[in-house]
Structure formats: structure tokens, C-alpha cells
Amino acid sequence: MKDLLLAAEEVADEMASSGSDNEEAQLAQCQAYVHRHNIQQLVKEAVVSLCIHKPDNPVLFLKEHFEKLNEHRAQVGF
């Protein structure tokens, strides 16, 4: 699985090539967001679950996966 921080750098590079003057600040903001919300772990767990269950409809599976996660977080006050 591609590292999300590397993906963020690629996004920042694309933004820079399209004329953005502050790509380093944008990259730092993206990295901080990914870190603050634990995005890498959330995506990793979702992909692992996909690989274990191999659903016929992966989009629906992911939707339900994140809905369940959201419900659980609401119950525990996250």
C-alpha cells in the first residue's frame, strides 16, 4: 500500500506545478491532517478488512465499514 504521506507529497507537487506558491505549507498542512486524524491507520485497517473479506462490492463494503466505525466512535465518545 502506498504511504499516504508520499501521496500527500505527490499532491503537493501537482499543486506546485499548477502554480501554487506555498506547496511546502500545503504539504505540511496535509501531513498534519493525516497525522491528527490517524488516516493512515484507518485506511490500512479498511484495506486489510477488504483483503480478508474480499467482498463483491468493495465500495459498499467500505461504506459499511466506515459507517460502523463512525457509530462505534460515537458510542465511545470519540
PDB file of N, CA and C in Angstrom:
ATOM      1  N   MET A   1       0.852  -1.178   0.000  1.00  0.00           N
ATOM      2  CA  MET A   1       0.000   0.000   0.000  1.00  0.00           C
ATOM      3  C   MET A   1       0.892   1.233   0.000  1.00  0.00           C
ATOM      4  N   LYS A   2       0.527   2.186  -0.836  1.00  0.00           N
ATOM      5  CA  LYS A   2       1.301   3.419  -0.941  1.00  0.00           C
ATOM      6  C   LYS A   2       1.165   4.218   0.340  1.00  0.00           C
ATOM      7  N   ASP A   3       2.290   4.708   0.807  1.00  0.00           N
ATOM      8  CA  ASP A   3       2.299   5.518   2.017  1.00  0.00           C
ATOM      9  C   ASP A   3       1.531   6.811   1.778  1.00  0.00           C
ATOM     10  N   LEU A   4       0.617   7.129   2.665  1.00  0.00           N
ATOM     11  CA  LEU A   4      -0.223   8.316   2.486  1.00  0.00           C
ATOM     12  C   LEU A   4       0.575   9.601   2.511  1.00  0.00           C
ATOM     13  N   LEU A   5       1.653   9.626   3.267  1.00  0.00           N
ATOM     14  CA  LEU A   5       2.459  10.843   3.279  1.00  0.00           C
ATOM     15  C   LEU A   5       3.140  11.053   1.936  1.00  0.00           C
ATOM     16  N   LEU A   6       3.553   9.967   1.291  1.00  0.00           N
ATOM     17  CA  LEU A   6       4.118  10.103  -0.049  1.00  0.00           C
ATOM     18  C   LEU A   6       3.053  10.576  -1.024  1.00  0.00           C
ATOM     19  N   ALA A   7       1.847  10.075  -0.857  1.00  0.00           N
ATOM     20  CA  ALA A   7       0.748  10.531  -1.704  1.00  0.00           C
ATOM     21  C   ALA A   7       0.489  12.009  -1.479  1.00  0.00           C
ATOM     22  N   ALA A   8       0.577  12.449  -0.236  1.00  0.00           N
ATOM     23  CA  ALA A   8       0.387  13.869   0.066  1.00  0.00           C
ATOM     24  C   ALA A   8       1.463  14.705  -0.608  1.00  0.00           C
ATOM     25  N   GLU A   9       2.690  14.193  -0.620  1.00  0.00           N
ATOM     26  CA  GLU A   9       3.765  14.907  -1.303  1.00  0.00           C
ATOM     27  C   GLU A   9       3.488  15.002  -2.799  1.00  0.00           C
ATOM     28  N   GLU A  10       2.956  13.937  -3.381  1.00  0.00           N
ATOM     29  CA  GLU A  10       2.619  13.964  -4.801  1.00  0.00           C
ATOM     30  C   GLU A  10       1.544  15.003  -5.082  1.00  0.00           C
ATOM     31  N   VAL A  11       0.552  15.087  -4.204  1.00  0.00           N
ATOM     32  CA  VAL A  11      -0.499  16.095  -4.360  1.00  0.00           C
ATOM     33  C   VAL A  11       0.111  17.484  -4.279  1.00  0.00           C
ATOM     34  N   ALA A  12       0.997  17.670  -3.315  1.00  0.00           N
ATOM     35  CA  ALA A  12       1.647  18.974  -3.178  1.00  0.00           C
ATOM     36  C   ALA A  12       2.467  19.296  -4.418  1.00  0.00           C
ATOM     37  N   ASP A  13       3.157  18.288  -4.972  1.00  0.00           N
ATOM     38  CA  ASP A  13       3.931  18.505  -6.197  1.00  0.00           C
ATOM     39  C   ASP A  13       3.025  18.916  -7.349  1.00  0.00           C
ATOM     40  N   GLU A  14       1.875  18.254  -7.471  1.00  0.00           N
ATOM     41  CA  GLU A  14       0.928  18.607  -8.525  1.00  0.00           C
ATOM     42  C   GLU A  14       0.415  20.027  -8.342  1.00  0.00           C
ATOM     43  N   MET A  15       0.150  20.390  -7.102  1.00  0.00           N
ATOM     44  CA  MET A  15      -0.328  21.744  -6.830  1.00  0.00           C
ATOM     45  C   MET A  15       0.756  22.761  -7.167  1.00  0.00           C
ATOM     46  N   ALA A  16       2.002  22.403  -6.862  1.00  0.00           N
ATOM     47  CA  ALA A  16       3.108  23.312  -7.149  1.00  0.00           C
ATOM     48  C   ALA A  16       3.268  23.502  -8.649  1.00  0.00           C
ATOM     49  N   SER A  17       3.111  22.424  -9.401  1.00  0.00           N
ATOM     50  CA  SER A  17       3.267  22.537 -10.844  1.00  0.00           C
ATOM     51  C   SER A  17       2.117  23.298 -11.483  1.00  0.00           C
ATOM     52  N   SER A  18       1.022  23.437 -10.751  1.00  0.00           N
ATOM     53  CA  SER A  18      -0.107  24.191 -11.289  1.00  0.00           C
ATOM     54  C   SER A  18      -0.074  25.645 -10.836  1.00  0.00           C
ATOM     55  N   GLY A  19       1.054  26.072 -10.253  1.00  0.00           N
ATOM     56  CA  GLY A  19       1.214  27.478  -9.939  1.00  0.00           C
ATOM     57  C   GLY A  19       1.089  27.845  -8.475  1.00  0.00           C
ATOM     58  N   SER A  20       0.978  26.900  -7.579  1.00  0.00           N
ATOM     59  CA  SER A  20       0.864  27.210  -6.158  1.00  0.00           C
ATOM     60  C   SER A  20       2.218  27.634  -5.610  1.00  0.00           C
ATOM     61  N   ASP A  21       2.232  28.753  -4.888  1.00  0.00           N
ATOM     62  CA  ASP A  21       3.482  29.281  -4.349  1.00  0.00           C
ATOM     63  C   ASP A  21       3.845  28.697  -2.996  1.00  0.00           C
ATOM     64  N   ASN A  22       2.922  28.093  -2.333  1.00  0.00           N
ATOM     65  CA  ASN A  22       3.193  27.640  -0.969  1.00  0.00           C
ATOM     66  C   ASN A  22       3.035  26.133  -0.815  1.00  0.00           C
ATOM     67  N   GLU A  23       3.642  25.370  -1.716  1.00  0.00           N
ATOM     68  CA  GLU A  23       3.457  23.923  -1.673  1.00  0.00           C
ATOM     69  C   GLU A  23       3.986  23.303  -0.389  1.00  0.00           C
ATOM     70  N   GLU A  24       5.063  23.855   0.170  1.00  0.00           N
ATOM     71  CA  GLU A  24       5.587  23.294   1.414  1.00  0.00           C
ATOM     72  C   GLU A  24       4.590  23.465   2.558  1.00  0.00           C
ATOM     73  N   ALA A  25       3.947  24.609   2.622  1.00  0.00           N
ATOM     74  CA  ALA A  25       2.941  24.847   3.661  1.00  0.00           C
ATOM     75  C   ALA A  25       1.743  23.925   3.456  1.00  0.00           C
ATOM     76  N   GLN A  26       1.336  23.740   2.210  1.00  0.00           N
ATOM     77  CA  GLN A  26       0.207  22.856   1.920  1.00  0.00           C
ATOM     78  C   GLN A  26       0.543  21.413   2.276  1.00  0.00           C
ATOM     79  N   LEU A  27       1.774  21.002   1.968  1.00  0.00           N
ATOM     80  CA  LEU A  27       2.203  19.651   2.310  1.00  0.00           C
ATOM     81  C   LEU A  27       2.214  19.470   3.823  1.00  0.00           C
ATOM     82  N   ALA A  28       2.738  20.450   4.533  1.00  0.00           N
ATOM     83  CA  ALA A  28       2.776  20.370   5.994  1.00  0.00           C
ATOM     84  C   ALA A  28       1.364  20.291   6.568  1.00  0.00           C
ATOM     85  N   GLN A  29       0.446  21.060   6.012  1.00  0.00           N
ATOM     86  CA  GLN A  29      -0.942  21.019   6.478  1.00  0.00           C
ATOM     87  C   GLN A  29      -1.565  19.655   6.207  1.00  0.00           C
ATOM     88  N   CYS A  30      -1.289  19.108   5.040  1.00  0.00           N
ATOM     89  CA  CYS A  30      -1.827  17.791   4.685  1.00  0.00           C
ATOM     90  C   CYS A  30      -1.258  16.722   5.613  1.00  0.00           C
ATOM     91  N   GLN A  31       0.046  16.763   5.846  1.00  0.00           N
ATOM     92  CA  GLN A  31       0.674  15.788   6.730  1.00  0.00           C
ATOM     93  C   GLN A  31       0.118  15.895   8.148  1.00  0.00           C
ATOM     94  N   ALA A  32      -0.072  17.114   8.619  1.00  0.00           N
ATOM     95  CA  ALA A  32      -0.618  17.318   9.961  1.00  0.00           C
ATOM     96  C   ALA A  32      -2.036  16.761  10.055  1.00  0.00           C
ATOM     97  N   TYR A  33      -2.828  16.983   9.021  1.00  0.00           N
ATOM     98  CA  TYR A  33      -4.205  16.470   8.993  1.00  0.00           C
ATOM     99  C   TYR A  33      -4.211  14.940   9.035  1.00  0.00           C
ATOM    100  N   VAL A  34      -3.384  14.328   8.189  1.00  0.00           N
ATOM    101  CA  VAL A  34      -3.293  12.865   8.133  1.00  0.00           C
ATOM    102  C   VAL A  34      -2.871  12.316   9.490  1.00  0.00           C
ATOM    103  N   HIS A  35      -1.905  12.959  10.113  1.00  0.00           N
ATOM    104  CA  HIS A  35      -1.421  12.515  11.421  1.00  0.00           C
ATOM    105  C   HIS A  35      -2.477  12.730  12.506  1.00  0.00           C
ATOM    106  N   ARG A  36      -3.071  13.910  12.533  1.00  0.00           N
ATOM    107  CA  ARG A  36      -4.045  14.271  13.572  1.00  0.00           C
ATOM    108  C   ARG A  36      -5.246  13.326  13.575  1.00  0.00           C
ATOM    109  N   HIS A  37      -5.678  12.919  12.401  1.00  0.00           N
ATOM    110  CA  HIS A  37      -6.871  12.072  12.296  1.00  0.00           C
ATOM    111  C   HIS A  37      -6.541  10.588  12.114  1.00  0.00           C
ATOM    112  N   ASN A  38      -5.251  10.254  12.220  1.00  0.00           N
ATOM    113  CA  ASN A  38      -4.821   8.854  12.135  1.00  0.00           C
ATOM    114  C   ASN A  38      -5.306   8.184  10.841  1.00  0.00           C
ATOM    115  N   ILE A  39      -5.237   8.929   9.755  1.00  0.00           N
ATOM    116  CA  ILE A  39      -5.769   8.468   8.470  1.00  0.00           C
ATOM    117  C   ILE A  39      -5.055   7.216   7.972  1.00  0.00           C
ATOM    118  N   GLN A  40      -3.726   7.174   8.118  1.00  0.00           N
ATOM    119  CA  GLN A  40      -3.002   6.001   7.622  1.00  0.00           C
ATOM    120  C   GLN A  40      -3.514   4.720   8.269  1.00  0.00           C
ATOM    121  N   GLN A  41      -3.710   4.733   9.563  1.00  0.00           N
ATOM    122  CA  GLN A  41      -4.183   3.539  10.262  1.00  0.00           C
ATOM    123  C   GLN A  41      -5.612   3.193   9.846  1.00  0.00           C
ATOM    124  N   LEU A  42      -6.460   4.204   9.706  1.00  0.00           N
ATOM    125  CA  LEU A  42      -7.847   3.959   9.292  1.00  0.00           C
ATOM    126  C   LEU A  42      -7.908   3.308   7.913  1.00  0.00           C
ATOM    127  N   VAL A  43      -7.115   3.820   6.988  1.00  0.00           N
ATOM    128  CA  VAL A  43      -7.112   3.279   5.623  1.00  0.00           C
ATOM    129  C   VAL A  43      -6.487   1.885   5.612  1.00  0.00           C
ATOM    130  N   LYS A  44      -5.415   1.713   6.370  1.00  0.00           N
ATOM    131  CA  LYS A  44      -4.769   0.399   6.435  1.00  0.00           C
ATOM    132  C   LYS A  44      -5.747  -0.658   6.938  1.00  0.00           C
ATOM    133  N   GLU A  45      -6.460  -0.346   8.016  1.00  0.00           N
ATOM    134  CA  GLU A  45      -7.429  -1.298   8.562  1.00  0.00           C
ATOM    135  C   GLU A  45      -8.537  -1.603   7.560  1.00  0.00           C
ATOM    136  N   ALA A  46      -8.975  -0.598   6.822  1.00  0.00           N
ATOM    137  CA  ALA A  46     -10.021  -0.808   5.819  1.00  0.00           C
ATOM    138  C   ALA A  46      -9.523  -1.716   4.698  1.00  0.00           C
ATOM    139  N   VAL A  47      -8.292  -1.493   4.244  1.00  0.00           N
ATOM    140  CA  VAL A  47      -7.737  -2.314   3.164  1.00  0.00           C
ATOM    141  C   VAL A  47      -7.506  -3.744   3.641  1.00  0.00           C
ATOM    142  N   VAL A  48      -7.015  -3.910   4.851  1.00  0.00           N
ATOM    143  CA  VAL A  48      -6.827  -5.258   5.400  1.00  0.00           C
ATOM    144  C   VAL A  48      -8.170  -5.981   5.468  1.00  0.00           C
ATOM    145  N   SER A  49      -9.185  -5.284   5.930  1.00  0.00           N
ATOM    146  CA  SER A  49     -10.517  -5.882   6.006  1.00  0.00           C
ATOM    147  C   SER A  49     -11.026  -6.279   4.620  1.00  0.00           C
ATOM    148  N   LEU A  50     -10.773  -5.434   3.633  1.00  0.00           N
ATOM    149  CA  LEU A  50     -11.139  -5.776   2.250  1.00  0.00           C
ATOM    150  C   LEU A  50     -10.447  -7.057   1.810  1.00  0.00           C
ATOM    151  N   CYS A  51      -9.157  -7.150   2.095  1.00  0.00           N
ATOM    152  CA  CYS A  51      -8.387  -8.320   1.665  1.00  0.00           C
ATOM    153  C   CYS A  51      -8.834  -9.594   2.375  1.00  0.00           C
ATOM    154  N   ILE A  52      -9.275  -9.457   3.604  1.00  0.00           N
ATOM    155  CA  ILE A  52      -9.754 -10.626   4.348  1.00  0.00           C
ATOM    156  C   ILE A  52     -11.109 -11.085   3.820  1.00  0.00           C
ATOM    157  N   HIS A  53     -12.025 -10.140   3.643  1.00  0.00           N
ATOM    158  CA  HIS A  53     -13.403 -10.484   3.280  1.00  0.00           C
ATOM    159  C   HIS A  53     -13.646 -10.598   1.777  1.00  0.00           C
ATOM    160  N   LYS A  54     -12.842  -9.922   0.974  1.00  0.00           N
ATOM    161  CA  LYS A  54     -12.956  -9.954  -0.492  1.00  0.00           C
ATOM    162  C   LYS A  54     -14.410  -9.810  -0.973  1.00  0.00           C
ATOM    163  N   PRO A  55     -15.059  -8.717  -0.600  1.00  0.00           N
ATOM    164  CA  PRO A  55     -16.467  -8.544  -0.982  1.00  0.00           C
ATOM    165  C   PRO A  55     -16.621  -8.334  -2.488  1.00  0.00           C
ATOM    166  N   ASP A  56     -17.777  -8.714  -3.008  1.00  0.00           N
ATOM    167  CA  ASP A  56     -18.072  -8.486  -4.421  1.00  0.00           C
ATOM    168  C   ASP A  56     -18.203  -6.999  -4.728  1.00  0.00           C
ATOM    169  N   ASN A  57     -18.672  -6.252  -3.751  1.00  0.00           N
ATOM    170  CA  ASN A  57     -18.844  -4.808  -3.931  1.00  0.00           C
ATOM    171  C   ASN A  57     -17.965  -4.083  -2.902  1.00  0.00           C
ATOM    172  N   PRO A  58     -16.707  -3.817  -3.257  1.00  0.00           N
ATOM    173  CA  PRO A  58     -15.801  -3.208  -2.289  1.00  0.00           C
ATOM    174  C   PRO A  58     -16.209  -1.800  -1.856  1.00  0.00           C
ATOM    175  N   VAL A  59     -16.862  -1.052  -2.721  1.00  0.00           N
ATOM    176  CA  VAL A  59     -17.287   0.304  -2.355  1.00  0.00           C
ATOM    177  C   VAL A  59     -18.358   0.242  -1.269  1.00  0.00           C
ATOM    178  N   LEU A  60     -19.332  -0.629  -1.455  1.00  0.00           N
ATOM    179  CA  LEU A  60     -20.371  -0.803  -0.438  1.00  0.00           C
ATOM    180  C   LEU A  60     -19.760  -1.317   0.866  1.00  0.00           C
ATOM    181  N   PHE A  61     -18.836  -2.252   0.746  1.00  0.00           N
ATOM    182  CA  PHE A  61     -18.163  -2.793   1.926  1.00  0.00           C
ATOM    183  C   PHE A  61     -17.455  -1.682   2.697  1.00  0.00           C
ATOM    184  N   LEU A  62     -16.714  -0.827   1.979  1.00  0.00           N
ATOM    185  CA  LEU A  62     -16.004   0.274   2.632  1.00  0.00           C
ATOM    186  C   LEU A  62     -16.977   1.263   3.264  1.00  0.00           C
ATOM    187  N   LYS A  63     -18.067   1.539   2.566  1.00  0.00           N
ATOM    188  CA  LYS A  63     -19.088   2.437   3.113  1.00  0.00           C
ATOM    189  C   LYS A  63     -19.584   1.892   4.449  1.00  0.00           C
ATOM    190  N   GLU A  64     -19.928   0.612   4.469  1.00  0.00           N
ATOM    191  CA  GLU A  64     -20.433  -0.005   5.692  1.00  0.00           C
ATOM    192  C   GLU A  64     -19.350  -0.077   6.769  1.00  0.00           C
ATOM    193  N   HIS A  65     -18.129  -0.343   6.350  1.00  0.00           N
ATOM    194  CA  HIS A  65     -17.003  -0.392   7.291  1.00  0.00           C
ATOM    195  C   HIS A  65     -16.863   0.941   8.023  1.00  0.00           C
ATOM    196  N   PHE A  66     -16.867   2.034   7.260  1.00  0.00           N
ATOM    197  CA  PHE A  66     -16.687   3.344   7.877  1.00  0.00           C
ATOM    198  C   PHE A  66     -17.929   3.802   8.642  1.00  0.00           C
ATOM    199  N   GLU A  67     -19.108   3.370   8.216  1.00  0.00           N
ATOM    200  CA  GLU A  67     -20.318   3.676   8.987  1.00  0.00           C
ATOM    201  C   GLU A  67     -20.261   3.000  10.354  1.00  0.00           C
ATOM    202  N   LYS A  68     -19.848   1.734  10.372  1.00  0.00           N
ATOM    203  CA  LYS A  68     -19.724   1.011  11.645  1.00  0.00           C
ATOM    204  C   LYS A  68     -18.667   1.664  12.532  1.00  0.00           C
ATOM    205  N   LEU A  69     -17.562   2.039  11.934  1.00  0.00           N
ATOM    206  CA  LEU A  69     -16.507   2.709  12.688  1.00  0.00           C
ATOM    207  C   LEU A  69     -17.012   4.023  13.276  1.00  0.00           C
ATOM    208  N   ASN A  70     -17.746   4.773  12.487  1.00  0.00           N
ATOM    209  CA  ASN A  70     -18.295   6.046  12.943  1.00  0.00           C
ATOM    210  C   ASN A  70     -19.284   5.841  14.090  1.00  0.00           C
ATOM    211  N   GLU A  71     -20.145   4.827  13.968  1.00  0.00           N
ATOM    212  CA  GLU A  71     -21.104   4.520  15.036  1.00  0.00           C
ATOM    213  C   GLU A  71     -20.377   4.124  16.319  1.00  0.00           C
ATOM    214  N   HIS A  72     -19.349   3.305  16.181  1.00  0.00           N
ATOM    215  CA  HIS A  72     -18.578   2.875  17.347  1.00  0.00           C
ATOM    216  C   HIS A  72     -17.914   4.075  18.021  1.00  0.00           C
ATOM    217  N   ARG A  73     -17.328   4.944  17.228  1.00  0.00           N
ATOM    218  CA  ARG A  73     -16.676   6.130  17.791  1.00  0.00           C
ATOM    219  C   ARG A  73     -17.687   7.032  18.495  1.00  0.00           C
ATOM    220  N   ALA A  74     -18.879   7.130  17.951  1.00  0.00           N
ATOM    221  CA  ALA A  74     -19.913   7.955  18.585  1.00  0.00           C
ATOM    222  C   ALA A  74     -20.316   7.361  19.937  1.00  0.00           C
ATOM    223  N   GLN A  75     -20.382   6.031  20.006  1.00  0.00           N
ATOM    224  CA  GLN A  75     -20.771   5.365  21.253  1.00  0.00           C
ATOM    225  C   GLN A  75     -19.732   5.536  22.350  1.00  0.00           C
ATOM    226  N   VAL A  76     -18.458   5.536  21.964  1.00  0.00           N
ATOM    227  CA  VAL A  76     -17.396   5.654  22.969  1.00  0.00           C
ATOM    228  C   VAL A  76     -16.987   7.105  23.195  1.00  0.00           C
ATOM    229  N   GLY A  77     -17.671   8.018  22.509  1.00  0.00           N
ATOM    230  CA  GLY A  77     -17.409   9.435  22.699  1.00  0.00           C
ATOM    231  C   GLY A  77     -16.114   9.918  22.092  1.00  0.00           C
ATOM    232  N   PHE A  78     -15.751   9.355  20.967  1.00  0.00           N
ATOM    233  CA  PHE A  78     -14.512   9.743  20.286  1.00  0.00           C
ATOM    234  C   PHE A  78     -14.716  10.955  19.442  1.00  0.00           C
TER     235      PHE A  78
END
